[in-house]
Amino acid sequence: MELDVSIDNDSVSIHIDNHFSFDLENILENIENFADSKGCSLNGLDITGLIPKMVRGIAGCENGCPADALTFTSEGFKNFELAYIEGGILTAKAITEKGKKIFLKMFPNF
């Protein structure tokens, strides 16, 4: 899986090797470092809760395969605007405390 995180006109890509056992702490560190470099704080945004749900929305089979990204996006998650894009791509948008837009886009490996 690939996670692209965009703030303003810049982005960073984070590769997720194993969707069954991924290093959430490392992913969060990469996102926080990127946000810091853009001068924004992620306070108030539950990135820690969002990332696992996005991974399960694409790769999880808890509710039967294929994963149920449509239910995840229709139920929503906190202050993120979620969308499913054809081909198994999930997106999440939010506004940071300082009014900057953060955009996360997760791509499957299939």
PDB file of N, CA and C in Angstrom:
ATOM      1  N   MET A   1       0.841  -1.166   0.000  1.00  0.00           N
ATOM      2  CA  MET A   1       0.000   0.000   0.000  1.00  0.00           C
ATOM      3  C   MET A   1       0.890   1.234   0.000  1.00  0.00           C
ATOM      4  N   GLU A   2       0.337   2.295  -0.506  1.00  0.00           N
ATOM      5  CA  GLU A   2       1.052   3.573  -0.541  1.00  0.00           C
ATOM      6  C   GLU A   2       0.132   4.641   0.039  1.00  0.00           C
ATOM      7  N   LEU A   3       0.684   5.456   0.924  1.00  0.00           N
ATOM      8  CA  LEU A   3      -0.054   6.564   1.514  1.00  0.00           C
ATOM      9  C   LEU A   3       0.606   7.857   1.090  1.00  0.00           C
ATOM     10  N   ASP A   4      -0.141   8.693   0.385  1.00  0.00           N
ATOM     11  CA  ASP A   4       0.343  10.022   0.012  1.00  0.00           C
ATOM     12  C   ASP A   4      -0.306  11.029   0.943  1.00  0.00           C
ATOM     13  N   VAL A   5       0.521  11.909   1.508  1.00  0.00           N
ATOM     14  CA  VAL A   5       0.038  12.957   2.400  1.00  0.00           C
ATOM     15  C   VAL A   5       0.411  14.292   1.778  1.00  0.00           C
ATOM     16  N   SER A   6      -0.574  15.150   1.566  1.00  0.00           N
ATOM     17  CA  SER A   6      -0.342  16.463   0.957  1.00  0.00           C
ATOM     18  C   SER A   6      -0.763  17.567   1.914  1.00  0.00           C
ATOM     19  N   ILE A   7       0.074  18.593   1.970  1.00  0.00           N
ATOM     20  CA  ILE A   7      -0.242  19.825   2.678  1.00  0.00           C
ATOM     21  C   ILE A   7       0.165  20.942   1.737  1.00  0.00           C
ATOM     22  N   ASP A   8      -0.765  21.835   1.477  1.00  0.00           N
ATOM     23  CA  ASP A   8      -0.554  22.873   0.470  1.00  0.00           C
ATOM     24  C   ASP A   8      -0.226  22.204  -0.859  1.00  0.00           C
ATOM     25  N   ASN A   9       0.863  22.563  -1.496  1.00  0.00           N
ATOM     26  CA  ASN A   9       1.219  21.974  -2.793  1.00  0.00           C
ATOM     27  C   ASN A   9       2.330  20.946  -2.700  1.00  0.00           C
ATOM     28  N   ASP A  10       2.696  20.539  -1.494  1.00  0.00           N
ATOM     29  CA  ASP A  10       3.760  19.556  -1.300  1.00  0.00           C
ATOM     30  C   ASP A  10       3.179  18.257  -0.773  1.00  0.00           C
ATOM     31  N   SER A  11       3.892  17.160  -1.061  1.00  0.00           N
ATOM     32  CA  SER A  11       3.412  15.869  -0.577  1.00  0.00           C
ATOM     33  C   SER A  11       4.574  14.952  -0.239  1.00  0.00           C
ATOM     34  N   VAL A  12       4.258  13.933   0.527  1.00  0.00           N
ATOM     35  CA  VAL A  12       5.208  12.887   0.878  1.00  0.00           C
ATOM     36  C   VAL A  12       4.490  11.552   0.691  1.00  0.00           C
ATOM     37  N   SER A  13       5.224  10.558   0.212  1.00  0.00           N
ATOM     38  CA  SER A  13       4.670   9.215   0.049  1.00  0.00           C
ATOM     39  C   SER A  13       5.274   8.297   1.103  1.00  0.00           C
ATOM     40  N   ILE A  14       4.416   7.492   1.695  1.00  0.00           N
ATOM     41  CA  ILE A  14       4.835   6.546   2.726  1.00  0.00           C
ATOM     42  C   ILE A  14       4.389   5.166   2.286  1.00  0.00           C
ATOM     43  N   HIS A  15       5.360   4.262   2.162  1.00  0.00           N
ATOM     44  CA  HIS A  15       5.050   2.897   1.744  1.00  0.00           C
ATOM     45  C   HIS A  15       4.676   2.068   2.960  1.00  0.00           C
ATOM     46  N   ILE A  16       3.618   1.287   2.847  1.00  0.00           N
ATOM     47  CA  ILE A  16       3.172   0.387   3.906  1.00  0.00           C
ATOM     48  C   ILE A  16       3.383  -1.030   3.390  1.00  0.00           C
ATOM     49  N   ASP A  17       4.417  -1.677   3.928  1.00  0.00           N
ATOM     50  CA  ASP A  17       4.816  -2.998   3.438  1.00  0.00           C
ATOM     51  C   ASP A  17       3.772  -4.088   3.677  1.00  0.00           C
ATOM     52  N   ASN A  18       3.324  -4.198   4.910  1.00  0.00           N
ATOM     53  CA  ASN A  18       2.447  -5.295   5.270  1.00  0.00           C
ATOM     54  C   ASN A  18       1.196  -4.729   5.932  1.00  0.00           C
ATOM     55  N   HIS A  19       0.082  -4.806   5.250  1.00  0.00           N
ATOM     56  CA  HIS A  19      -1.137  -4.216   5.798  1.00  0.00           C
ATOM     57  C   HIS A  19      -1.699  -4.989   6.988  1.00  0.00           C
ATOM     58  N   PHE A  20      -1.230  -6.220   7.218  1.00  0.00           N
ATOM     59  CA  PHE A  20      -1.674  -6.983   8.379  1.00  0.00           C
ATOM     60  C   PHE A  20      -0.889  -6.605   9.633  1.00  0.00           C
ATOM     61  N   SER A  21       0.342  -6.140   9.449  1.00  0.00           N
ATOM     62  CA  SER A  21       1.194  -5.784  10.577  1.00  0.00           C
ATOM     63  C   SER A  21       2.078  -4.616  10.150  1.00  0.00           C
ATOM     64  N   PHE A  22       1.555  -3.407  10.262  1.00  0.00           N
ATOM     65  CA  PHE A  22       2.306  -2.240   9.818  1.00  0.00           C
ATOM     66  C   PHE A  22       2.754  -1.421  11.025  1.00  0.00           C
ATOM     67  N   ASP A  23       3.781  -0.629  10.817  1.00  0.00           N
ATOM     68  CA  ASP A  23       4.396   0.168  11.882  1.00  0.00           C
ATOM     69  C   ASP A  23       3.701   1.525  11.952  1.00  0.00           C
ATOM     70  N   LEU A  24       2.598   1.575  12.684  1.00  0.00           N
ATOM     71  CA  LEU A  24       1.806   2.799  12.786  1.00  0.00           C
ATOM     72  C   LEU A  24       2.632   3.938  13.371  1.00  0.00           C
ATOM     73  N   GLU A  25       3.448   3.638  14.356  1.00  0.00           N
ATOM     74  CA  GLU A  25       4.273   4.680  14.980  1.00  0.00           C
ATOM     75  C   GLU A  25       5.205   5.337  13.968  1.00  0.00           C
ATOM     76  N   ASN A  26       5.816   4.554  13.100  1.00  0.00           N
ATOM     77  CA  ASN A  26       6.711   5.088  12.073  1.00  0.00           C
ATOM     78  C   ASN A  26       5.940   5.914  11.045  1.00  0.00           C
ATOM     79  N   ILE A  27       4.765   5.450  10.665  1.00  0.00           N
ATOM     80  CA  ILE A  27       3.933   6.183   9.711  1.00  0.00           C
ATOM     81  C   ILE A  27       3.548   7.539  10.301  1.00  0.00           C
ATOM     82  N   LEU A  28       3.112   7.532  11.558  1.00  0.00           N
ATOM     83  CA  LEU A  28       2.728   8.770  12.228  1.00  0.00           C
ATOM     84  C   LEU A  28       3.906   9.727  12.350  1.00  0.00           C
ATOM     85  N   GLU A  29       5.068   9.193  12.651  1.00  0.00           N
ATOM     86  CA  GLU A  29       6.270  10.021  12.754  1.00  0.00           C
ATOM     87  C   GLU A  29       6.575  10.697  11.421  1.00  0.00           C
ATOM     88  N   ASN A  30       6.468   9.954  10.335  1.00  0.00           N
ATOM     89  CA  ASN A  30       6.693  10.528   9.006  1.00  0.00           C
ATOM     90  C   ASN A  30       5.691  11.642   8.698  1.00  0.00           C
ATOM     91  N   ILE A  31       4.426  11.406   9.031  1.00  0.00           N
ATOM     92  CA  ILE A  31       3.394  12.411   8.779  1.00  0.00           C
ATOM     93  C   ILE A  31       3.635  13.649   9.640  1.00  0.00           C
ATOM     94  N   GLU A  32       3.944  13.450  10.915  1.00  0.00           N
ATOM     95  CA  GLU A  32       4.191  14.584  11.815  1.00  0.00           C
ATOM     96  C   GLU A  32       5.411  15.390  11.390  1.00  0.00           C
ATOM     97  N   ASN A  33       6.486  14.701  10.976  1.00  0.00           N
ATOM     98  CA  ASN A  33       7.681  15.410  10.502  1.00  0.00           C
ATOM     99  C   ASN A  33       7.364  16.240   9.264  1.00  0.00           C
ATOM    100  N   PHE A  34       6.586  15.675   8.367  1.00  0.00           N
ATOM    101  CA  PHE A  34       6.198  16.400   7.160  1.00  0.00           C
ATOM    102  C   PHE A  34       5.353  17.620   7.526  1.00  0.00           C
ATOM    103  N   ALA A  35       4.378  17.434   8.423  1.00  0.00           N
ATOM    104  CA  ALA A  35       3.529  18.548   8.850  1.00  0.00           C
ATOM    105  C   ALA A  35       4.368  19.638   9.517  1.00  0.00           C
ATOM    106  N   ASP A  36       5.302  19.234  10.367  1.00  0.00           N
ATOM    107  CA  ASP A  36       6.184  20.211  11.019  1.00  0.00           C
ATOM    108  C   ASP A  36       6.976  21.007   9.988  1.00  0.00           C
ATOM    109  N   SER A  37       7.444  20.344   8.943  1.00  0.00           N
ATOM    110  CA  SER A  37       8.220  21.029   7.908  1.00  0.00           C
ATOM    111  C   SER A  37       7.374  22.038   7.137  1.00  0.00           C
ATOM    112  N   LYS A  38       6.055  21.862   7.166  1.00  0.00           N
ATOM    113  CA  LYS A  38       5.123  22.772   6.502  1.00  0.00           C
ATOM    114  C   LYS A  38       4.573  23.814   7.479  1.00  0.00           C
ATOM    115  N   GLY A  39       5.049  23.759   8.713  1.00  0.00           N
ATOM    116  CA  GLY A  39       4.629  24.733   9.707  1.00  0.00           C
ATOM    117  C   GLY A  39       3.221  24.538  10.225  1.00  0.00           C
ATOM    118  N   CYS A  40       2.758  23.293  10.229  1.00  0.00           N
ATOM    119  CA  CYS A  40       1.421  23.076  10.763  1.00  0.00           C
ATOM    120  C   CYS A  40       1.423  21.962  11.802  1.00  0.00           C
ATOM    121  N   SER A  41       0.440  22.029  12.667  1.00  0.00           N
ATOM    122  CA  SER A  41       0.276  21.067  13.740  1.00  0.00           C
ATOM    123  C   SER A  41      -0.903  20.164  13.407  1.00  0.00           C
ATOM    124  N   LEU A  42      -0.796  18.919  13.816  1.00  0.00           N
ATOM    125  CA  LEU A  42      -1.886  17.976  13.582  1.00  0.00           C
ATOM    126  C   LEU A  42      -2.760  17.807  14.823  1.00  0.00           C
ATOM    127  N   ASN A  43      -2.573  18.689  15.814  1.00  0.00           N
ATOM    128  CA  ASN A  43      -3.397  18.651  17.023  1.00  0.00           C
ATOM    129  C   ASN A  43      -4.868  18.733  16.631  1.00  0.00           C
ATOM    130  N   GLY A  44      -5.669  17.904  17.270  1.00  0.00           N
ATOM    131  CA  GLY A  44      -7.098  17.904  16.985  1.00  0.00           C
ATOM    132  C   GLY A  44      -7.504  16.981  15.852  1.00  0.00           C
ATOM    133  N   LEU A  45      -6.526  16.428  15.140  1.00  0.00           N
ATOM    134  CA  LEU A  45      -6.815  15.479  14.064  1.00  0.00           C
ATOM    135  C   LEU A  45      -6.390  14.088  14.515  1.00  0.00           C
ATOM    136  N   ASP A  46      -7.295  13.141  14.488  1.00  0.00           N
ATOM    137  CA  ASP A  46      -7.001  11.793  14.945  1.00  0.00           C
ATOM    138  C   ASP A  46      -6.402  10.956  13.810  1.00  0.00           C
ATOM    139  N   ILE A  47      -5.174  11.302  13.435  1.00  0.00           N
ATOM    140  CA  ILE A  47      -4.461  10.546  12.398  1.00  0.00           C
ATOM    141  C   ILE A  47      -4.200   9.123  12.897  1.00  0.00           C
ATOM    142  N   THR A  48      -3.936   8.996  14.205  1.00  0.00           N
ATOM    143  CA  THR A  48      -3.664   7.686  14.811  1.00  0.00           C
ATOM    144  C   THR A  48      -4.846   6.738  14.630  1.00  0.00           C
ATOM    145  N   GLY A  49      -6.048   7.233  14.744  1.00  0.00           N
ATOM    146  CA  GLY A  49      -7.233   6.400  14.541  1.00  0.00           C
ATOM    147  C   GLY A  49      -7.600   6.228  13.078  1.00  0.00           C
ATOM    148  N   LEU A  50      -7.273   7.225  12.263  1.00  0.00           N
ATOM    149  CA  LEU A  50      -7.644   7.210  10.847  1.00  0.00           C
ATOM    150  C   LEU A  50      -6.860   6.176  10.034  1.00  0.00           C
ATOM    151  N   ILE A  51      -5.542   6.155  10.192  1.00  0.00           N
ATOM    152  CA  ILE A  51      -4.697   5.305   9.339  1.00  0.00           C
ATOM    153  C   ILE A  51      -5.113   3.831   9.404  1.00  0.00           C
ATOM    154  N   PRO A  52      -5.263   3.228  10.589  1.00  0.00           N
ATOM    155  CA  PRO A  52      -5.689   1.818  10.607  1.00  0.00           C
ATOM    156  C   PRO A  52      -7.038   1.589   9.942  1.00  0.00           C
ATOM    157  N   LYS A  53      -7.955   2.529  10.087  1.00  0.00           N
ATOM    158  CA  LYS A  53      -9.264   2.385   9.454  1.00  0.00           C
ATOM    159  C   LYS A  53      -9.154   2.476   7.932  1.00  0.00           C
ATOM    160  N   MET A  54      -8.261   3.332   7.440  1.00  0.00           N
ATOM    161  CA  MET A  54      -8.058   3.409   5.992  1.00  0.00           C
ATOM    162  C   MET A  54      -7.443   2.109   5.481  1.00  0.00           C
ATOM    163  N   VAL A  55      -6.476   1.575   6.207  1.00  0.00           N
ATOM    164  CA  VAL A  55      -5.846   0.310   5.803  1.00  0.00           C
ATOM    165  C   VAL A  55      -6.897  -0.791   5.764  1.00  0.00           C
ATOM    166  N   ARG A  56      -7.699  -0.902   6.827  1.00  0.00           N
ATOM    167  CA  ARG A  56      -8.742  -1.941   6.858  1.00  0.00           C
ATOM    168  C   ARG A  56      -9.804  -1.688   5.796  1.00  0.00           C
ATOM    169  N   GLY A  57     -10.066  -0.426   5.493  1.00  0.00           N
ATOM    170  CA  GLY A  57     -11.055  -0.107   4.467  1.00  0.00           C
ATOM    171  C   GLY A  57     -10.651  -0.599   3.096  1.00  0.00           C
ATOM    172  N   ILE A  58      -9.348  -0.680   2.872  1.00  0.00           N
ATOM    173  CA  ILE A  58      -8.852  -1.160   1.584  1.00  0.00           C
ATOM    174  C   ILE A  58      -8.505  -2.643   1.644  1.00  0.00           C
ATOM    175  N   ALA A  59      -7.808  -3.051   2.687  1.00  0.00           N
ATOM    176  CA  ALA A  59      -7.229  -4.395   2.705  1.00  0.00           C
ATOM    177  C   ALA A  59      -7.907  -5.356   3.667  1.00  0.00           C
ATOM    178  N   GLY A  60      -8.723  -4.864   4.576  1.00  0.00           N
ATOM    179  CA  GLY A  60      -9.306  -5.735   5.588  1.00  0.00           C
ATOM    180  C   GLY A  60     -10.403  -6.609   5.050  1.00  0.00           C
ATOM    181  N   CYS A  61     -10.519  -7.772   5.622  1.00  0.00           N
ATOM    182  CA  CYS A  61     -11.562  -8.702   5.195  1.00  0.00           C
ATOM    183  C   CYS A  61     -12.469  -9.082   6.362  1.00  0.00           C
ATOM    184  N   GLU A  62     -12.522  -8.250   7.397  1.00  0.00           N
ATOM    185  CA  GLU A  62     -13.320  -8.579   8.573  1.00  0.00           C
ATOM    186  C   GLU A  62     -14.792  -8.752   8.228  1.00  0.00           C
ATOM    187  N   ASN A  63     -15.281  -7.960   7.292  1.00  0.00           N
ATOM    188  CA  ASN A  63     -16.691  -8.021   6.900  1.00  0.00           C
ATOM    189  C   ASN A  63     -16.862  -8.701   5.557  1.00  0.00           C
ATOM    190  N   GLY A  64     -15.913  -9.534   5.179  1.00  0.00           N
ATOM    191  CA  GLY A  64     -15.949 -10.195   3.890  1.00  0.00           C
ATOM    192  C   GLY A  64     -15.111  -9.435   2.884  1.00  0.00           C
ATOM    193  N   CYS A  65     -14.584 -10.145   1.913  1.00  0.00           N
ATOM    194  CA  CYS A  65     -13.749  -9.507   0.892  1.00  0.00           C
ATOM    195  C   CYS A  65     -14.598  -9.233  -0.335  1.00  0.00           C
ATOM    196  N   PRO A  66     -14.403  -8.202  -1.115  1.00  0.00           N
ATOM    197  CA  PRO A  66     -13.353  -7.213  -0.871  1.00  0.00           C
ATOM    198  C   PRO A  66     -13.665  -6.354   0.342  1.00  0.00           C
ATOM    199  N   ALA A  67     -12.687  -5.649   0.793  1.00  0.00           N
ATOM    200  CA  ALA A  67     -12.833  -4.795   1.973  1.00  0.00           C
ATOM    201  C   ALA A  67     -13.987  -3.820   1.766  1.00  0.00           C
ATOM    202  N   ASP A  68     -14.530  -3.350   2.861  1.00  0.00           N
ATOM    203  CA  ASP A  68     -15.730  -2.528   2.777  1.00  0.00           C
ATOM    204  C   ASP A  68     -15.406  -1.039   2.918  1.00  0.00           C
ATOM    205  N   ALA A  69     -14.730  -0.494   1.930  1.00  0.00           N
ATOM    206  CA  ALA A  69     -14.362   0.920   1.950  1.00  0.00           C
ATOM    207  C   ALA A  69     -15.589   1.816   1.844  1.00  0.00           C
ATOM    208  N   LEU A  70     -16.610   1.374   1.154  1.00  0.00           N
ATOM    209  CA  LEU A  70     -17.802   2.202   0.979  1.00  0.00           C
ATOM    210  C   LEU A  70     -18.523   2.447   2.299  1.00  0.00           C
ATOM    211  N   THR A  71     -18.608   1.414   3.145  1.00  0.00           N
ATOM    212  CA  THR A  71     -19.233   1.605   4.456  1.00  0.00           C
ATOM    213  C   THR A  71     -18.396   2.559   5.297  1.00  0.00           C
ATOM    214  N   PHE A  72     -17.078   2.397   5.287  1.00  0.00           N
ATOM    215  CA  PHE A  72     -16.193   3.274   6.044  1.00  0.00           C
ATOM    216  C   PHE A  72     -16.392   4.730   5.636  1.00  0.00           C
ATOM    217  N   THR A  73     -16.420   4.989   4.345  1.00  0.00           N
ATOM    218  CA  THR A  73     -16.561   6.371   3.889  1.00  0.00           C
ATOM    219  C   THR A  73     -17.962   6.918   4.179  1.00  0.00           C
ATOM    220  N   SER A  74     -18.983   6.081   4.080  1.00  0.00           N
ATOM    221  CA  SER A  74     -20.334   6.578   4.345  1.00  0.00           C
ATOM    222  C   SER A  74     -20.550   6.856   5.833  1.00  0.00           C
ATOM    223  N   GLU A  75     -19.915   6.080   6.709  1.00  0.00           N
ATOM    224  CA  GLU A  75     -20.039   6.314   8.149  1.00  0.00           C
ATOM    225  C   GLU A  75     -19.217   7.518   8.587  1.00  0.00           C
ATOM    226  N   GLY A  76     -18.126   7.784   7.874  1.00  0.00           N
ATOM    227  CA  GLY A  76     -17.262   8.914   8.198  1.00  0.00           C
ATOM    228  C   GLY A  76     -16.338   8.621   9.366  1.00  0.00           C
ATOM    229  N   PHE A  77     -15.445   9.567   9.619  1.00  0.00           N
ATOM    230  CA  PHE A  77     -14.523   9.442  10.743  1.00  0.00           C
ATOM    231  C   PHE A  77     -14.176  10.829  11.259  1.00  0.00           C
ATOM    232  N   LYS A  78     -14.686  11.120  12.431  1.00  0.00           N
ATOM    233  CA  LYS A  78     -14.412  12.367  13.145  1.00  0.00           C
ATOM    234  C   LYS A  78     -14.486  13.578  12.222  1.00  0.00           C
ATOM    235  N   ASN A  79     -13.422  14.414  12.193  1.00  0.00           N
ATOM    236  CA  ASN A  79     -13.482  15.655  11.411  1.00  0.00           C
ATOM    237  C   ASN A  79     -12.837  15.525  10.034  1.00  0.00           C
ATOM    238  N   PHE A  80     -12.803  14.311   9.496  1.00  0.00           N
ATOM    239  CA  PHE A  80     -12.256  14.077   8.162  1.00  0.00           C
ATOM    240  C   PHE A  80     -13.385  13.904   7.159  1.00  0.00           C
ATOM    241  N   GLU A  81     -13.188  14.448   5.982  1.00  0.00           N
ATOM    242  CA  GLU A  81     -14.090  14.215   4.857  1.00  0.00           C
ATOM    243  C   GLU A  81     -13.507  13.046   4.080  1.00  0.00           C
ATOM    244  N   LEU A  82     -14.225  11.941   4.047  1.00  0.00           N
ATOM    245  CA  LEU A  82     -13.732  10.709   3.419  1.00  0.00           C
ATOM    246  C   LEU A  82     -14.368  10.504   2.053  1.00  0.00           C
ATOM    247  N   ALA A  83     -13.613   9.853   1.178  1.00  0.00           N
ATOM    248  CA  ALA A  83     -14.155   9.505  -0.137  1.00  0.00           C
ATOM    249  C   ALA A  83     -13.506   8.217  -0.627  1.00  0.00           C
ATOM    250  N   TYR A  84     -14.274   7.470  -1.390  1.00  0.00           N
ATOM    251  CA  TYR A  84     -13.780   6.268  -2.058  1.00  0.00           C
ATOM    252  C   TYR A  84     -13.677   6.594  -3.534  1.00  0.00           C
ATOM    253  N   ILE A  85     -12.524   6.288  -4.109  1.00  0.00           N
ATOM    254  CA  ILE A  85     -12.297   6.514  -5.537  1.00  0.00           C
ATOM    255  C   ILE A  85     -12.184   5.148  -6.194  1.00  0.00           C
ATOM    256  N   GLU A  86     -12.828   4.998  -7.321  1.00  0.00           N
ATOM    257  CA  GLU A  86     -12.810   3.734  -8.053  1.00  0.00           C
ATOM    258  C   GLU A  86     -11.389   3.181  -8.125  1.00  0.00           C
ATOM    259  N   GLY A  87     -11.263   1.882  -7.956  1.00  0.00           N
ATOM    260  CA  GLY A  87      -9.953   1.242  -7.980  1.00  0.00           C
ATOM    261  C   GLY A  87      -9.418   0.960  -6.584  1.00  0.00           C
ATOM    262  N   GLY A  88     -10.226   1.229  -5.569  1.00  0.00           N
ATOM    263  CA  GLY A  88      -9.829   0.905  -4.206  1.00  0.00           C
ATOM    264  C   GLY A  88      -9.049   1.983  -3.484  1.00  0.00           C
ATOM    265  N   ILE A  89      -9.112   3.209  -3.963  1.00  0.00           N
ATOM    266  CA  ILE A  89      -8.368   4.313  -3.352  1.00  0.00           C
ATOM    267  C   ILE A  89      -9.264   5.022  -2.334  1.00  0.00           C
ATOM    268  N   LEU A  90      -8.713   5.281  -1.158  1.00  0.00           N
ATOM    269  CA  LEU A  90      -9.425   6.034  -0.126  1.00  0.00           C
ATOM    270  C   LEU A  90      -8.756   7.374   0.080  1.00  0.00           C
ATOM    271  N   THR A  91      -9.562   8.413   0.297  1.00  0.00           N
ATOM    272  CA  THR A  91      -9.013   9.730   0.588  1.00  0.00           C
ATOM    273  C   THR A  91      -9.642  10.274   1.863  1.00  0.00           C
ATOM    274  N   ALA A  92      -8.873  11.114   2.535  1.00  0.00           N
ATOM    275  CA  ALA A  92      -9.352  11.796   3.737  1.00  0.00           C
ATOM    276  C   ALA A  92      -8.824  13.224   3.700  1.00  0.00           C
ATOM    277  N   LYS A  93      -9.719  14.183   3.918  1.00  0.00           N
ATOM    278  CA  LYS A  93      -9.348  15.601   3.929  1.00  0.00           C
ATOM    279  C   LYS A  93      -9.739  16.193   5.274  1.00  0.00           C
ATOM    280  N   ALA A  94      -8.928  17.136   5.733  1.00  0.00           N
ATOM    281  CA  ALA A  94      -9.247  17.852   6.968  1.00  0.00           C
ATOM    282  C   ALA A  94      -8.540  19.197   6.954  1.00  0.00           C
ATOM    283  N   ILE A  95      -8.925  20.035   7.883  1.00  0.00           N
ATOM    284  CA  ILE A  95      -8.306  21.341   8.054  1.00  0.00           C
ATOM    285  C   ILE A  95      -7.555  21.325   9.382  1.00  0.00           C
ATOM    286  N   THR A  96      -6.291  21.752   9.373  1.00  0.00           N
ATOM    287  CA  THR A  96      -5.487  21.783  10.588  1.00  0.00           C
ATOM    288  C   THR A  96      -5.871  22.989  11.437  1.00  0.00           C
ATOM    289  N   GLU A  97      -5.328  23.046  12.651  1.00  0.00           N
ATOM    290  CA  GLU A  97      -5.611  24.165  13.559  1.00  0.00           C
ATOM    291  C   GLU A  97      -5.288  25.512  12.935  1.00  0.00           C
ATOM    292  N   LYS A  98      -4.249  25.549  12.109  1.00  0.00           N
ATOM    293  CA  LYS A  98      -3.826  26.809  11.491  1.00  0.00           C
ATOM    294  C   LYS A  98      -4.493  27.055  10.145  1.00  0.00           C
ATOM    295  N   GLY A  99      -5.510  26.258   9.834  1.00  0.00           N
ATOM    296  CA  GLY A  99      -6.281  26.465   8.620  1.00  0.00           C
ATOM    297  C   GLY A  99      -5.677  25.885   7.355  1.00  0.00           C
ATOM    298  N   LYS A 100      -4.637  25.061   7.497  1.00  0.00           N
ATOM    299  CA  LYS A 100      -4.062  24.416   6.307  1.00  0.00           C
ATOM    300  C   LYS A 100      -4.825  23.131   6.008  1.00  0.00           C
ATOM    301  N   LYS A 101      -4.926  22.814   4.725  1.00  0.00           N
ATOM    302  CA  LYS A 101      -5.607  21.596   4.310  1.00  0.00           C
ATOM    303  C   LYS A 101      -4.611  20.444   4.283  1.00  0.00           C
ATOM    304  N   ILE A 102      -5.018  19.323   4.867  1.00  0.00           N
ATOM    305  CA  ILE A 102      -4.230  18.099   4.782  1.00  0.00           C
ATOM    306  C   ILE A 102      -5.071  17.084   4.021  1.00  0.00           C
ATOM    307  N   PHE A 103      -4.421  16.392   3.104  1.00  0.00           N
ATOM    308  CA  PHE A 103      -5.105  15.462   2.222  1.00  0.00           C
ATOM    309  C   PHE A 103      -4.334  14.148   2.235  1.00  0.00           C
ATOM    310  N   LEU A 104      -4.974  13.082   2.652  1.00  0.00           N
ATOM    311  CA  LEU A 104      -4.359  11.755   2.683  1.00  0.00           C
ATOM    312  C   LEU A 104      -5.016  10.886   1.626  1.00  0.00           C
ATOM    313  N   LYS A 105      -4.210  10.195   0.857  1.00  0.00           N
ATOM    314  CA  LYS A 105      -4.728   9.327  -0.199  1.00  0.00           C
ATOM    315  C   LYS A 105      -4.001   7.999  -0.082  1.00  0.00           C
ATOM    316  N   MET A 106      -4.782   6.905   0.133  1.00  0.00           N
ATOM    317  CA  MET A 106      -4.201   5.579   0.291  1.00  0.00           C
ATOM    318  C   MET A 106      -4.527   4.730  -0.936  1.00  0.00           C
ATOM    319  N   PHE A 107      -3.472   4.150  -1.489  1.00  0.00           N
ATOM    320  CA  PHE A 107      -3.584   3.321  -2.691  1.00  0.00           C
ATOM    321  C   PHE A 107      -3.351   1.851  -2.333  1.00  0.00           C
ATOM    322  N   PRO A 108      -4.143   0.946  -2.874  1.00  0.00           N
ATOM    323  CA  PRO A 108      -3.919  -0.490  -2.628  1.00  0.00           C
ATOM    324  C   PRO A 108      -2.759  -1.007  -3.481  1.00  0.00           C
ATOM    325  N   ASN A 109      -2.336  -2.234  -3.182  1.00  0.00           N
ATOM    326  CA  ASN A 109      -1.245  -2.852  -3.948  1.00  0.00           C
ATOM    327  C   ASN A 109      -1.751  -3.827  -4.996  1.00  0.00           C
ATOM    328  N   PHE A 110      -3.029  -3.787  -5.330  1.00  0.00           N
ATOM    329  CA  PHE A 110      -3.514  -4.746  -6.326  1.00  0.00           C
ATOM    330  C   PHE A 110      -3.840  -4.082  -7.628  1.00  0.00           C
TER     331      PHE A 110
END
